[in-house]
């Protein structure tokens, strides 16, 4: 190879070296860019993961706080519903328990047997009573406070929810008893029909019949069986023939609906005010033994049942009865007069 050829080859070799360097530099720059971009993406991913972890943690904390708060609310609700109550002791004596404006003050009210009270404060005794309570209570839809001798106040071991359930059963029995004293039970009523009866002497009488919420007599019997045993009330309810109506027929079927007699041939008067208090003396094995105190107006009372707010304590009297409830069914009950 001659010198000229050597020179040309040298030049070519230099150009190749320069090109290799240039390519190497470009590759290095690309790698750097890729590293930078990759690092940036990695940082974004790490940041996103950390953010999601924090959000989930906060959400879990909030859920836990909400669950705890809900648990507290439910616990408070249960405690409120199932708290025990206090009431006026009776032991066969229906005299009213005096309520005073202070432990040594004047008498401002009287409480009947089994009246529910809330003990606000326990106070030291004195010559009149070994222990005093400041109490609050509800009487004939009004709220009161006062002081009463703790000797005559019992703290019940029966939960308030149990007492409420027992009262619901008693209310159903009382309602049925009162409505069937002079007329048949009908439940809620709507439409009214007048039925004309022809007597043997040729005279006529028109009586009012009302449409029952029940479709037939069997539905009434089924309702009755939800709270009372068959021995407690008369259950031989009879459907009469509307095509041959007789005065004082109890039930008719008219246009596929049950209608009930809404008139009476006899009167029934009671001084019962509708108020009562109870004491549950035993509650075990789904059986409740109950004492009940019914409130009446005295026969010679000057006030009226429709406005008891005008009555004073000496206008009332009280009778004690007994009730037995088994599996939420009343098997024995002394009803009010």
Protein backbone atom coordinates (compact mmCIF):
# COMPACT_ATOMS: atom_id res chain seq x y z
CA UNK A 1 0.00 0.00 0.00
CA UNK A 2 1.49 3.42 -0.97
CA UNK A 3 1.70 6.46 1.32
CA UNK A 4 -1.25 8.21 -0.28
CA UNK A 5 -3.32 5.21 0.29
CA UNK A 6 -2.06 5.12 3.86
CA UNK A 7 -3.09 8.73 4.42
CA UNK A 8 -6.59 8.14 3.01
CA UNK A 9 -7.00 5.05 5.13
CA UNK A 10 -5.84 7.02 8.19
CA UNK A 11 -8.39 9.70 7.50
CA UNK A 12 -11.10 7.12 7.15
CA UNK A 13 -10.03 5.50 10.39
CA UNK A 14 -10.23 8.88 12.16
CA UNK A 15 -13.70 9.50 10.77
CA UNK A 16 -14.82 6.09 11.97
CA UNK A 17 -13.45 6.80 15.42
CA UNK A 18 -15.19 10.17 15.53
CA UNK A 19 -18.45 8.60 14.40
CA UNK A 20 -18.13 5.92 17.07
CA UNK A 21 -17.54 8.61 19.68
CA UNK A 22 -20.53 10.58 18.41
CA UNK A 23 -22.76 7.52 18.50
CA UNK A 24 -21.46 6.64 21.94
CA UNK A 25 -22.27 10.14 23.21
CA UNK A 26 -25.75 9.97 21.71
CA UNK A 27 -26.36 6.61 23.33
CA UNK A 28 -25.17 7.95 26.66
CA UNK A 29 -27.56 10.90 26.36
CA UNK A 30 -30.42 8.57 25.50
CA UNK A 31 -29.60 6.39 28.47
CA UNK A 32 -29.50 9.42 30.73
CA UNK A 33 -32.86 10.60 29.41
CA UNK A 34 -34.32 7.13 29.86
CA UNK A 35 -32.96 6.96 33.41
CA UNK A 36 -34.42 10.38 34.20
CA UNK A 37 -37.81 9.51 32.70
CA UNK A 38 -37.80 6.11 34.38
CA UNK A 39 -36.90 7.64 37.70
CA UNK A 40 -39.63 10.24 37.35
CA UNK A 41 -42.21 7.55 36.55
CA UNK A 42 -40.99 5.48 39.49
CA UNK A 43 -41.38 8.49 41.78
CA UNK A 44 -44.91 9.04 40.48
CA UNK A 45 -45.80 5.41 41.13
CA UNK A 46 -44.34 5.48 44.63
CA UNK A 47 -46.18 8.72 45.37
CA UNK A 48 -49.44 7.28 44.08
CA UNK A 49 -49.03 4.17 46.22
CA UNK A 50 -48.26 6.24 49.33
CA UNK A 51 -51.31 8.46 48.63
CA UNK A 52 -53.61 5.46 48.27
CA UNK A 53 -52.26 3.93 51.48
CA UNK A 54 -52.90 7.17 53.39
CA UNK A 55 -56.41 7.55 51.94
CA UNK A 56 -57.32 3.97 52.79
CA UNK A 57 -55.93 4.38 56.29
CA UNK A 58 -57.97 7.54 56.85
CA UNK A 59 -61.04 5.79 55.45
CA UNK A 60 -60.50 2.82 57.75
CA UNK A 61 -60.03 5.18 60.71
CA UNK A 62 -63.22 7.03 59.81
CA UNK A 63 -65.09 3.76 59.44
CA UNK A 64 -63.77 2.59 62.79
CA UNK A 65 -64.74 5.89 64.40
CA UNK A 66 -68.20 5.68 62.81
CA UNK A 67 -68.57 2.08 63.91
CA UNK A 68 -67.53 3.01 67.44
CA UNK A 69 -69.91 5.98 67.44
CA UNK A 70 -72.73 3.78 66.13
CA UNK A 71 -71.94 1.19 68.77
CA UNK A 72 -72.08 3.88 71.46
CA UNK A 73 -75.41 5.17 70.11
CA UNK A 74 -76.85 1.65 70.02
CA UNK A 75 -75.52 0.89 73.49
CA UNK A 76 -76.99 4.12 74.84
CA UNK A 77 -80.29 3.33 73.14
CA UNK A 78 -80.35 -0.19 74.56
CA UNK A 79 -79.42 1.07 78.01
CA UNK A 80 -82.14 3.69 77.84
CA UNK A 81 -84.77 1.23 76.66
CA UNK A 82 -83.76 -1.50 79.10
CA UNK A 83 -83.07 0.63 82.15
CA UNK A 84 -84.82 -0.40 85.35
CA UNK A 85 -87.44 1.90 86.87
CA UNK A 86 -88.64 2.82 90.33
CA UNK A 87 -92.23 2.94 91.51
CA UNK A 88 -94.48 3.49 94.51
CA UNK A 89 -94.79 0.39 96.70
CA UNK A 90 -98.25 -0.77 97.64
CA UNK A 91 -98.39 -4.00 99.72
CA UNK A 92 -102.19 -3.96 99.74
CA UNK A 93 -102.46 -0.38 100.99
CA UNK A 94 -103.97 1.89 98.35
CA UNK A 95 -103.35 5.12 100.31
CA UNK A 96 -101.49 7.76 98.31
CA UNK A 97 -97.80 8.40 98.93
CA UNK A 98 -97.29 12.04 99.91
CA UNK A 99 -95.10 14.21 97.70
CA UNK A 100 -93.66 17.33 99.36
CA UNK A 101 -91.97 20.50 98.12
CA UNK A 102 -88.97 19.67 100.37
CA UNK A 103 -88.07 16.97 102.88
CA UNK A 104 -89.65 19.07 105.61
CA UNK A 105 -92.09 21.01 103.44
CA UNK A 106 -95.77 20.93 102.58
CA UNK A 107 -97.62 18.13 100.78
CA UNK A 108 -98.09 19.10 97.14
CA UNK A 109 -99.30 15.84 95.59
CA UNK A 110 -100.05 12.17 96.17
CA UNK A 111 -98.99 9.11 94.17
CA UNK A 112 -101.00 5.92 93.82
CA UNK A 113 -99.80 2.33 93.92
CA UNK A 114 -97.16 1.38 91.34
CA UNK A 115 -96.82 4.93 89.99
CA UNK A 116 -93.52 5.08 88.10
CA UNK A 117 -91.00 7.64 89.35
CA UNK A 118 -87.44 8.62 88.52
CA UNK A 119 -85.07 9.06 91.44
CA UNK A 120 -83.16 12.28 90.84
CA UNK A 121 -81.29 12.44 94.15
CA UNK A 122 -81.00 10.49 97.39
CA UNK A 123 -81.13 12.59 100.56
CA UNK A 124 -80.49 12.02 104.25
CA UNK A 125 -83.32 10.97 106.48
CA UNK A 126 -84.98 12.83 109.33
CA UNK A 127 -87.48 12.13 112.08
CA UNK A 128 -90.27 11.67 109.52
CA UNK A 129 -88.46 9.24 107.21
CA UNK A 130 -85.19 7.30 107.22
CA UNK A 131 -84.37 8.18 103.60
CA UNK A 132 -85.72 10.75 101.18
CA UNK A 133 -85.71 10.86 97.40
CA UNK A 134 -86.01 13.81 95.10
CA UNK A 135 -88.20 12.39 92.34
CA UNK A 136 -89.67 13.31 88.97
CA UNK A 137 -92.75 11.65 87.51
CA UNK A 138 -95.49 11.91 84.92
CA UNK A 139 -99.10 11.96 86.04
CA UNK A 140 -102.13 12.36 83.76
CA UNK A 141 -99.90 13.63 80.93
CA UNK A 142 -98.19 16.29 83.09
CA UNK A 143 -94.63 16.27 84.46
CA UNK A 144 -93.87 16.96 88.13
CA UNK A 145 -91.00 16.94 90.65
CA UNK A 146 -91.01 16.69 94.42
CA UNK A 147 -89.71 14.84 97.48
CA UNK A 148 -91.01 11.52 98.77
CA UNK A 149 -90.09 9.10 101.54
CA UNK A 150 -87.80 6.43 100.08
CA UNK A 151 -89.25 3.76 102.38
CA UNK A 152 -92.25 3.52 100.07
CA UNK A 153 -90.41 3.53 96.75
CA UNK A 154 -89.17 0.31 95.18
CA UNK A 155 -86.42 -0.06 92.64
CA UNK A 156 -87.67 -2.55 90.08
CA UNK A 157 -85.45 -5.30 88.68
CA UNK A 158 -87.64 -5.51 85.57
CA UNK A 159 -86.45 -3.74 82.44
CA UNK A 160 -88.45 -0.87 81.02
CA UNK A 161 -88.77 -2.65 77.67
CA UNK A 162 -90.46 -5.58 79.43
CA UNK A 163 -92.89 -3.28 81.22
CA UNK A 164 -93.77 -1.58 77.93
CA UNK A 165 -94.46 -4.94 76.28
CA UNK A 166 -96.70 -6.04 79.16
CA UNK A 167 -98.64 -2.76 79.00
CA UNK A 168 -99.24 -3.19 75.27
CA UNK A 169 -100.84 -6.57 75.92
CA UNK A 170 -102.95 -5.18 78.78
CA UNK A 171 -104.11 -2.24 76.62
CA UNK A 172 -105.39 -4.62 73.93
CA UNK A 173 -107.33 -6.64 76.49
CA UNK A 174 -108.80 -3.53 78.13
CA UNK A 175 -109.88 -2.13 74.77
CA UNK A 176 -111.60 -5.38 73.77
CA UNK A 177 -113.26 -5.64 77.18
CA UNK A 178 -114.59 -2.07 77.09
CA UNK A 179 -115.89 -2.26 73.51
CA UNK A 180 -117.72 -5.54 74.06
CA UNK A 181 -119.56 -4.51 77.22
CA UNK A 182 -122.61 -3.36 75.24
CA UNK A 183 -121.69 -3.95 71.57
CA UNK A 184 -119.75 -6.48 69.49
CA UNK A 185 -116.08 -5.89 68.77
CA UNK A 186 -115.48 -4.33 65.36
CA UNK A 187 -112.01 -2.79 65.39
CA UNK A 188 -111.60 0.31 63.27
CA UNK A 189 -114.74 1.22 61.36
CA UNK A 190 -115.64 3.27 58.29
CA UNK A 191 -118.89 3.02 56.31
CA UNK A 192 -122.30 3.19 58.01
CA UNK A 193 -125.50 1.39 57.00
CA UNK A 194 -128.95 1.67 58.55
CA UNK A 195 -130.85 -1.60 58.92
CA UNK A 196 -134.61 -1.51 59.56
CA UNK A 197 -136.16 -4.26 61.66
CA UNK A 198 -139.85 -5.15 61.81
CA UNK A 199 -141.10 -6.25 65.21
CA UNK A 200 -143.83 -8.80 65.84
CA UNK A 201 -146.29 -6.05 66.77
CA UNK A 202 -145.76 -4.38 63.39
CA UNK A 203 -143.57 -1.57 64.68
CA UNK A 204 -140.18 -0.93 63.13
CA UNK A 205 -136.78 -0.06 64.47
CA UNK A 206 -133.77 1.25 62.55
CA UNK A 207 -130.33 0.38 63.84
CA UNK A 208 -126.89 1.53 62.72
CA UNK A 209 -124.26 -0.94 61.52
CA UNK A 210 -120.67 0.01 60.74
CA UNK A 211 -118.14 -1.55 58.37
CA UNK A 212 -115.33 -3.36 60.18
CA UNK A 213 -111.64 -3.35 59.31
CA UNK A 214 -111.90 -7.15 59.47
CA UNK A 215 -113.28 -9.12 56.53
CA UNK A 216 -114.94 -11.83 58.61
CA UNK A 217 -115.47 -13.11 62.13
CA UNK A 218 -112.54 -15.51 61.89
CA UNK A 219 -110.19 -12.53 61.51
CA UNK A 220 -111.55 -11.06 64.75
CA UNK A 221 -111.02 -14.38 66.50
CA UNK A 222 -107.47 -14.55 65.15
CA UNK A 223 -106.76 -11.04 66.46
CA UNK A 224 -108.20 -11.94 69.87
CA UNK A 225 -105.97 -15.03 70.04
CA UNK A 226 -102.85 -12.85 69.76
CA UNK A 227 -103.22 -11.51 73.32
CA UNK A 228 -105.96 -13.41 75.22
CA UNK A 229 -106.74 -17.04 75.97
CA UNK A 230 -110.09 -18.44 74.86
CA UNK A 231 -111.29 -18.51 78.48
CA UNK A 232 -110.87 -14.76 78.96
CA UNK A 233 -113.54 -13.55 76.52
CA UNK A 234 -116.64 -14.85 74.80
CA UNK A 235 -115.51 -16.27 71.46
CA UNK A 236 -118.73 -17.76 70.02
CA UNK A 237 -119.20 -14.81 67.68
CA UNK A 238 -122.15 -15.28 65.33
CA UNK A 239 -122.82 -14.02 61.80
CA UNK A 240 -126.55 -13.35 61.20
CA UNK A 241 -128.55 -13.44 57.96
CA UNK A 242 -128.97 -9.99 56.44
CA UNK A 243 -132.01 -11.29 54.51
CA UNK A 244 -133.77 -12.06 57.77
CA UNK A 245 -132.53 -9.35 60.14
CA UNK A 246 -133.34 -9.41 63.84
CA UNK A 247 -132.91 -6.53 66.23
CA UNK A 248 -129.63 -6.78 68.18
CA UNK A 249 -127.97 -9.05 65.61
CA UNK A 250 -124.24 -8.54 66.11
CA UNK A 251 -122.72 -9.14 62.67
CA UNK A 252 -123.82 -9.11 59.03
CA UNK A 253 -122.00 -9.74 55.79
CA UNK A 254 -122.97 -7.01 53.33
CA UNK A 255 -121.42 -6.75 49.85
CA UNK A 256 -118.57 -9.01 50.93
CA UNK A 257 -117.74 -6.90 54.00
CA UNK A 258 -118.30 -7.42 57.71
CA UNK A 259 -120.67 -4.99 59.45
CA UNK A 260 -121.15 -4.73 63.21
CA UNK A 261 -123.98 -3.50 65.41
CA UNK A 262 -123.34 0.06 66.54
CA UNK A 263 -126.24 0.52 68.95
CA UNK A 264 -127.06 -0.87 72.36
CA UNK A 265 -130.18 -1.77 74.23
CA UNK A 266 -128.56 -1.33 77.61
CA UNK A 267 -126.32 1.17 79.28
CA UNK A 268 -122.98 0.73 80.98
CA UNK A 269 -121.47 3.37 83.19
CA UNK A 270 -118.01 3.28 84.66
CA UNK A 271 -116.04 5.77 86.70
CA UNK A 272 -112.79 4.27 85.45
CA UNK A 273 -110.53 7.08 84.26
CA UNK A 274 -108.55 4.95 81.82
CA UNK A 275 -105.41 5.28 83.96
CA UNK A 276 -103.63 2.38 85.58
CA UNK A 277 -100.21 1.45 86.95
CA UNK A 278 -98.63 -1.98 87.17
CA UNK A 279 -96.09 -3.92 89.19
CA UNK A 280 -94.49 -7.03 87.69
CA UNK A 281 -93.80 -9.29 90.65
CA UNK A 282 -92.36 -12.17 88.63
CA UNK A 283 -90.97 -12.50 85.11
CA UNK A 284 -89.49 -15.89 84.32
CA UNK A 285 -89.95 -18.58 81.66
CA UNK A 286 -92.07 -16.19 79.54
CA UNK A 287 -94.58 -15.87 82.39
CA UNK A 288 -95.45 -12.56 84.05
CA UNK A 289 -97.31 -12.13 87.32
CA UNK A 290 -98.69 -8.61 87.45
CA UNK A 291 -100.42 -6.41 90.00
CA UNK A 292 -102.51 -3.62 88.50
CA UNK A 293 -103.92 -0.49 90.15
CA UNK A 294 -107.00 0.96 88.42
CA UNK A 295 -107.95 4.61 88.95
CA UNK A 296 -111.60 5.64 89.39
CA UNK A 297 -113.49 8.79 90.20
CA UNK A 298 -115.39 8.64 93.47
CA UNK A 299 -119.11 8.13 93.04
CA UNK A 300 -119.82 11.50 94.67
CA UNK A 301 -117.06 13.31 92.79
CA UNK A 302 -117.92 16.73 91.43
CA UNK A 303 -115.42 16.58 88.56
CA UNK A 304 -115.93 14.76 85.27
CA UNK A 305 -114.08 12.06 83.35
CA UNK A 306 -113.69 14.28 80.31
CA UNK A 307 -111.65 16.85 82.25
CA UNK A 308 -109.57 15.22 84.98
CA UNK A 309 -107.32 18.28 85.24
CA UNK A 310 -109.97 19.92 87.42
CA UNK A 311 -109.97 17.02 89.88
CA UNK A 312 -108.05 16.92 93.15
CA UNK A 313 -106.48 13.83 94.68
CA UNK A 314 -109.43 13.25 97.01
CA UNK A 315 -111.70 12.83 93.96
CA UNK A 316 -110.03 9.51 93.09
CA UNK A 317 -109.96 6.00 94.46
CA UNK A 318 -108.00 2.91 93.45
CA UNK A 319 -108.58 -0.83 93.18
CA UNK A 320 -105.93 -3.52 92.94
CA UNK A 321 -106.22 -6.50 90.59
CA UNK A 322 -104.05 -9.33 89.31
CA UNK A 323 -103.02 -10.42 85.81
CA UNK A 324 -101.23 -13.54 84.57
CA UNK A 325 -99.52 -13.49 81.17
CA UNK A 326 -97.94 -16.59 79.64
CA UNK A 327 -96.09 -16.50 76.30
CA UNK A 328 -97.54 -13.02 75.68
CA UNK A 329 -101.11 -14.34 76.16
CA UNK A 330 -103.28 -13.19 79.08
CA UNK A 331 -104.67 -16.23 80.89
CA UNK A 332 -106.14 -14.40 83.88
CA UNK A 333 -107.09 -10.76 84.35
CA UNK A 334 -109.06 -8.74 86.86
CA UNK A 335 -110.70 -6.10 84.69
CA UNK A 336 -111.72 -2.66 85.86
CA UNK A 337 -115.30 -2.00 86.94
